[in-house]
Amino acid sequence: MYQANIQINKRDRFGISLKTEMICLELLESSIIASYLPKNEKSTVLKILRVKIELLKQLLRLTKELNVINDKKYIDWSGRLIEISKMNNSWLNWATKESPS
């Protein structure tokens, strides 16, 4: 997303595109934090991560509707976000599952 945002006009680059970049960095940070936490503490961070992913999906849809990005980029990025969302939900399910004693 960062490299694609270089081609976007200045108004959009420092507006909605900057926000999407910041959320991407927050996603990366949250996933790294969750990876280092014990299993019983992961769920809180993963729930926050799920919300950030959904926010990014909505912002991506908005950038498409405002014609900031083209259809090809939207389809590519939204597909990747769907996959990331599935992985996060699987991780969250694993973290919240009771372990047998």
N, C-alpha and C. Protein backbone atom coordinates (compact mmCIF):
# COMPACT_ATOMS: atom_id res chain seq x y z
N MET A 1 0.82 -1.19 0.00
CA MET A 1 0.00 0.00 0.00
C MET A 1 0.86 1.26 0.00
N TYR A 2 1.97 1.19 0.71
CA TYR A 2 2.84 2.36 0.80
C TYR A 2 3.33 2.80 -0.57
N GLN A 3 3.82 1.86 -1.37
CA GLN A 3 4.34 2.21 -2.68
C GLN A 3 3.24 2.71 -3.61
N ALA A 4 2.07 2.14 -3.51
CA ALA A 4 0.96 2.58 -4.36
C ALA A 4 0.50 3.98 -3.99
N ASN A 5 0.63 4.34 -2.73
CA ASN A 5 0.19 5.66 -2.28
C ASN A 5 1.06 6.79 -2.82
N ILE A 6 2.25 6.47 -3.26
CA ILE A 6 3.12 7.48 -3.85
C ILE A 6 2.49 8.05 -5.13
N GLN A 7 1.75 7.23 -5.84
CA GLN A 7 1.14 7.65 -7.10
C GLN A 7 -0.17 8.40 -6.91
N ILE A 8 -0.68 8.45 -5.69
CA ILE A 8 -1.96 9.11 -5.41
C ILE A 8 -1.74 10.61 -5.26
N ASN A 9 -2.74 11.42 -5.64
CA ASN A 9 -2.56 12.86 -5.54
C ASN A 9 -2.35 13.30 -4.09
N LYS A 10 -1.78 14.47 -3.93
CA LYS A 10 -1.32 14.94 -2.63
C LYS A 10 -2.44 15.01 -1.59
N ARG A 11 -3.60 15.49 -1.99
CA ARG A 11 -4.72 15.63 -1.06
C ARG A 11 -5.13 14.29 -0.47
N ASP A 12 -5.25 13.29 -1.32
CA ASP A 12 -5.65 11.96 -0.86
C ASP A 12 -4.51 11.25 -0.14
N ARG A 13 -3.28 11.51 -0.58
CA ARG A 13 -2.12 10.84 0.03
C ARG A 13 -1.97 11.23 1.49
N PHE A 14 -2.25 12.49 1.80
CA PHE A 14 -2.09 12.94 3.18
C PHE A 14 -3.41 12.92 3.95
N GLY A 15 -4.41 12.35 3.36
CA GLY A 15 -5.71 12.20 4.01
C GLY A 15 -6.00 10.74 4.28
N ILE A 16 -6.86 10.19 3.47
CA ILE A 16 -7.32 8.82 3.68
C ILE A 16 -6.21 7.79 3.47
N SER A 17 -5.31 8.04 2.54
CA SER A 17 -4.22 7.09 2.30
C SER A 17 -3.25 7.03 3.47
N LEU A 18 -2.99 8.18 4.08
CA LEU A 18 -2.12 8.21 5.25
C LEU A 18 -2.75 7.41 6.39
N LYS A 19 -4.06 7.54 6.56
CA LYS A 19 -4.76 6.80 7.61
C LYS A 19 -4.68 5.29 7.34
N THR A 20 -4.84 4.88 6.10
CA THR A 20 -4.75 3.45 5.79
C THR A 20 -3.34 2.92 6.06
N GLU A 21 -2.33 3.71 5.74
CA GLU A 21 -0.95 3.31 6.03
C GLU A 21 -0.73 3.15 7.52
N MET A 22 -1.26 4.09 8.30
CA MET A 22 -1.10 4.02 9.75
C MET A 22 -1.78 2.78 10.32
N ILE A 23 -2.95 2.45 9.81
CA ILE A 23 -3.66 1.27 10.29
C ILE A 23 -2.89 0.01 9.90
N CYS A 24 -2.31 -0.02 8.72
CA CYS A 24 -1.48 -1.17 8.33
C CYS A 24 -0.32 -1.37 9.30
N LEU A 25 0.32 -0.28 9.68
CA LEU A 25 1.41 -0.37 10.65
C LEU A 25 0.90 -0.84 12.02
N GLU A 26 -0.29 -0.37 12.41
CA GLU A 26 -0.89 -0.82 13.67
C GLU A 26 -1.21 -2.31 13.62
N LEU A 27 -1.67 -2.79 12.46
CA LEU A 27 -1.95 -4.21 12.30
C LEU A 27 -0.67 -5.03 12.48
N LEU A 28 0.39 -4.58 11.87
CA LEU A 28 1.66 -5.26 12.00
C LEU A 28 2.13 -5.26 13.46
N GLU A 29 2.03 -4.11 14.10
CA GLU A 29 2.44 -4.00 15.49
C GLU A 29 1.60 -4.91 16.39
N SER A 30 0.30 -4.89 16.23
CA SER A 30 -0.59 -5.71 17.06
C SER A 30 -0.34 -7.20 16.85
N SER A 31 -0.09 -7.60 15.61
CA SER A 31 0.15 -9.03 15.36
C SER A 31 1.48 -9.47 15.97
N ILE A 32 2.48 -8.61 15.95
CA ILE A 32 3.75 -8.95 16.59
C ILE A 32 3.58 -9.04 18.10
N ILE A 33 2.86 -8.10 18.67
CA ILE A 33 2.60 -8.14 20.12
C ILE A 33 1.87 -9.43 20.48
N ALA A 34 0.84 -9.78 19.72
CA ALA A 34 0.07 -10.99 20.01
C ALA A 34 0.93 -12.23 19.90
N SER A 35 1.86 -12.24 18.98
CA SER A 35 2.70 -13.43 18.80
C SER A 35 3.60 -13.69 20.01
N TYR A 36 3.94 -12.66 20.75
CA TYR A 36 4.82 -12.82 21.90
C TYR A 36 4.09 -13.00 23.23
N LEU A 37 2.77 -12.83 23.22
CA LEU A 37 2.01 -12.98 24.46
C LEU A 37 1.71 -14.45 24.73
N PRO A 38 1.51 -14.80 26.00
CA PRO A 38 1.05 -16.16 26.31
C PRO A 38 -0.35 -16.38 25.75
N LYS A 39 -0.70 -17.63 25.52
CA LYS A 39 -1.97 -17.97 24.88
C LYS A 39 -3.17 -17.34 25.59
N ASN A 40 -3.17 -17.32 26.90
CA ASN A 40 -4.33 -16.80 27.62
C ASN A 40 -4.46 -15.28 27.54
N GLU A 41 -3.44 -14.58 27.06
CA GLU A 41 -3.48 -13.12 26.93
C GLU A 41 -3.65 -12.65 25.48
N LYS A 42 -3.59 -13.55 24.53
CA LYS A 42 -3.64 -13.19 23.11
C LYS A 42 -5.01 -12.66 22.69
N SER A 43 -6.08 -13.18 23.26
CA SER A 43 -7.42 -12.89 22.75
C SER A 43 -7.75 -11.39 22.77
N THR A 44 -7.31 -10.66 23.79
CA THR A 44 -7.60 -9.23 23.86
C THR A 44 -6.97 -8.49 22.68
N VAL A 45 -5.72 -8.78 22.42
CA VAL A 45 -5.02 -8.12 21.30
C VAL A 45 -5.61 -8.55 19.97
N LEU A 46 -5.96 -9.82 19.84
CA LEU A 46 -6.51 -10.32 18.58
C LEU A 46 -7.90 -9.74 18.30
N LYS A 47 -8.67 -9.46 19.33
CA LYS A 47 -9.97 -8.80 19.14
C LYS A 47 -9.79 -7.38 18.65
N ILE A 48 -8.81 -6.68 19.19
CA ILE A 48 -8.49 -5.33 18.71
C ILE A 48 -8.00 -5.40 17.27
N LEU A 49 -7.20 -6.40 16.98
CA LEU A 49 -6.69 -6.60 15.62
C LEU A 49 -7.84 -6.82 14.64
N ARG A 50 -8.83 -7.59 15.07
CA ARG A 50 -10.00 -7.85 14.21
C ARG A 50 -10.73 -6.55 13.87
N VAL A 51 -10.89 -5.67 14.85
CA VAL A 51 -11.55 -4.39 14.62
C VAL A 51 -10.75 -3.53 13.65
N LYS A 52 -9.43 -3.51 13.81
CA LYS A 52 -8.58 -2.72 12.92
C LYS A 52 -8.62 -3.25 11.49
N ILE A 53 -8.70 -4.55 11.34
CA ILE A 53 -8.80 -5.14 10.00
C ILE A 53 -10.10 -4.71 9.35
N GLU A 54 -11.19 -4.75 10.10
CA GLU A 54 -12.49 -4.33 9.56
C GLU A 54 -12.49 -2.85 9.21
N LEU A 55 -11.85 -2.04 10.04
CA LEU A 55 -11.73 -0.61 9.75
C LEU A 55 -10.96 -0.40 8.45
N LEU A 56 -9.88 -1.13 8.28
CA LEU A 56 -9.09 -1.02 7.06
C LEU A 56 -9.90 -1.45 5.84
N LYS A 57 -10.72 -2.48 5.98
CA LYS A 57 -11.59 -2.91 4.87
C LYS A 57 -12.54 -1.78 4.47
N GLN A 58 -13.13 -1.12 5.47
CA GLN A 58 -14.06 -0.03 5.18
C GLN A 58 -13.35 1.16 4.54
N LEU A 59 -12.17 1.50 5.04
CA LEU A 59 -11.41 2.60 4.43
C LEU A 59 -11.00 2.27 3.00
N LEU A 60 -10.65 1.01 2.77
CA LEU A 60 -10.29 0.59 1.42
C LEU A 60 -11.49 0.72 0.49
N ARG A 61 -12.65 0.30 0.97
CA ARG A 61 -13.87 0.44 0.17
C ARG A 61 -14.16 1.91 -0.12
N LEU A 62 -13.94 2.76 0.87
CA LEU A 62 -14.16 4.19 0.68
C LEU A 62 -13.19 4.78 -0.35
N THR A 63 -11.93 4.38 -0.30
CA THR A 63 -10.98 4.88 -1.29
C THR A 63 -11.36 4.44 -2.70
N LYS A 64 -11.93 3.26 -2.82
CA LYS A 64 -12.39 2.79 -4.13
C LYS A 64 -13.59 3.62 -4.59
N GLU A 65 -14.54 3.85 -3.68
CA GLU A 65 -15.74 4.62 -4.05
C GLU A 65 -15.40 6.07 -4.40
N LEU A 66 -14.35 6.61 -3.80
CA LEU A 66 -13.92 7.97 -4.11
C LEU A 66 -12.97 8.03 -5.30
N ASN A 67 -12.74 6.88 -5.93
CA ASN A 67 -11.86 6.77 -7.09
C ASN A 67 -10.42 7.19 -6.79
N VAL A 68 -9.98 6.95 -5.55
CA VAL A 68 -8.59 7.21 -5.18
C VAL A 68 -7.73 6.07 -5.70
N ILE A 69 -8.26 4.85 -5.66
CA ILE A 69 -7.55 3.69 -6.21
C ILE A 69 -8.41 3.07 -7.30
N ASN A 70 -7.79 2.32 -8.17
CA ASN A 70 -8.52 1.68 -9.26
C ASN A 70 -9.06 0.32 -8.83
N ASP A 71 -9.87 -0.27 -9.70
CA ASP A 71 -10.50 -1.56 -9.40
C ASP A 71 -9.49 -2.66 -9.16
N LYS A 72 -8.43 -2.68 -9.94
CA LYS A 72 -7.42 -3.74 -9.82
C LYS A 72 -6.77 -3.73 -8.43
N LYS A 73 -6.38 -2.55 -7.96
CA LYS A 73 -5.78 -2.44 -6.63
C LYS A 73 -6.79 -2.81 -5.55
N TYR A 74 -8.02 -2.37 -5.72
CA TYR A 74 -9.05 -2.67 -4.73
C TYR A 74 -9.27 -4.18 -4.61
N ILE A 75 -9.39 -4.84 -5.73
CA ILE A 75 -9.62 -6.30 -5.72
C ILE A 75 -8.43 -7.01 -5.08
N ASP A 76 -7.23 -6.61 -5.44
CA ASP A 76 -6.02 -7.23 -4.88
C ASP A 76 -5.95 -7.02 -3.37
N TRP A 77 -6.07 -5.78 -2.93
CA TRP A 77 -5.94 -5.47 -1.51
C TRP A 77 -7.07 -6.04 -0.68
N SER A 78 -8.29 -5.99 -1.20
CA SER A 78 -9.42 -6.52 -0.43
C SER A 78 -9.30 -8.03 -0.29
N GLY A 79 -8.81 -8.72 -1.33
CA GLY A 79 -8.58 -10.15 -1.23
C GLY A 79 -7.55 -10.49 -0.17
N ARG A 80 -6.50 -9.69 -0.11
CA ARG A 80 -5.48 -9.90 0.91
C ARG A 80 -6.03 -9.65 2.32
N LEU A 81 -6.86 -8.61 2.44
CA LEU A 81 -7.45 -8.31 3.75
C LEU A 81 -8.42 -9.40 4.20
N ILE A 82 -9.14 -9.97 3.27
CA ILE A 82 -10.04 -11.08 3.61
C ILE A 82 -9.22 -12.25 4.13
N GLU A 83 -8.11 -12.54 3.48
CA GLU A 83 -7.25 -13.64 3.92
C GLU A 83 -6.65 -13.34 5.30
N ILE A 84 -6.22 -12.11 5.51
CA ILE A 84 -5.68 -11.71 6.81
C ILE A 84 -6.75 -11.84 7.89
N SER A 85 -7.96 -11.44 7.57
CA SER A 85 -9.07 -11.54 8.51
C SER A 85 -9.35 -12.99 8.88
N LYS A 86 -9.32 -13.88 7.89
CA LYS A 86 -9.54 -15.31 8.17
C LYS A 86 -8.45 -15.86 9.08
N MET A 87 -7.20 -15.48 8.81
CA MET A 87 -6.10 -15.95 9.64
C MET A 87 -6.24 -15.45 11.08
N ASN A 88 -6.60 -14.18 11.22
CA ASN A 88 -6.76 -13.61 12.55
C ASN A 88 -7.90 -14.30 13.30
N ASN A 89 -9.01 -14.55 12.63
CA ASN A 89 -10.14 -15.21 13.28
C ASN A 89 -9.78 -16.64 13.70
N SER A 90 -9.02 -17.33 12.87
CA SER A 90 -8.57 -18.68 13.24
C SER A 90 -7.64 -18.61 14.46
N TRP A 91 -6.77 -17.64 14.48
CA TRP A 91 -5.86 -17.44 15.59
C TRP A 91 -6.64 -17.12 16.87
N LEU A 92 -7.65 -16.26 16.74
CA LEU A 92 -8.49 -15.91 17.87
C LEU A 92 -9.26 -17.12 18.39
N ASN A 93 -9.80 -17.92 17.49
CA ASN A 93 -10.50 -19.14 17.91
C ASN A 93 -9.57 -20.08 18.65
N TRP A 94 -8.35 -20.23 18.16
CA TRP A 94 -7.36 -21.08 18.82
C TRP A 94 -7.03 -20.53 20.22
N ALA A 95 -6.87 -19.20 20.32
CA ALA A 95 -6.47 -18.60 21.58
C ALA A 95 -7.57 -18.65 22.63
N THR A 96 -8.82 -18.66 22.19
CA THR A 96 -9.93 -18.68 23.15
C THR A 96 -10.43 -20.09 23.44
N LYS A 97 -9.95 -21.07 22.69
CA LYS A 97 -10.37 -22.45 22.91
C LYS A 97 -9.79 -22.96 24.23
N GLU A 98 -10.62 -23.61 24.98
CA GLU A 98 -10.18 -24.20 26.26
C GLU A 98 -9.23 -25.35 25.98
N SER A 99 -8.12 -25.35 26.66
CA SER A 99 -7.19 -26.46 26.51
C SER A 99 -7.59 -27.59 27.45
N PRO A 100 -7.53 -28.84 26.98
CA PRO A 100 -7.89 -29.97 27.85
C PRO A 100 -6.90 -30.13 28.99
N SER A 101 -7.41 -30.43 30.15
CA SER A 101 -6.56 -30.57 31.34
C SER A 101 -5.99 -31.96 31.47
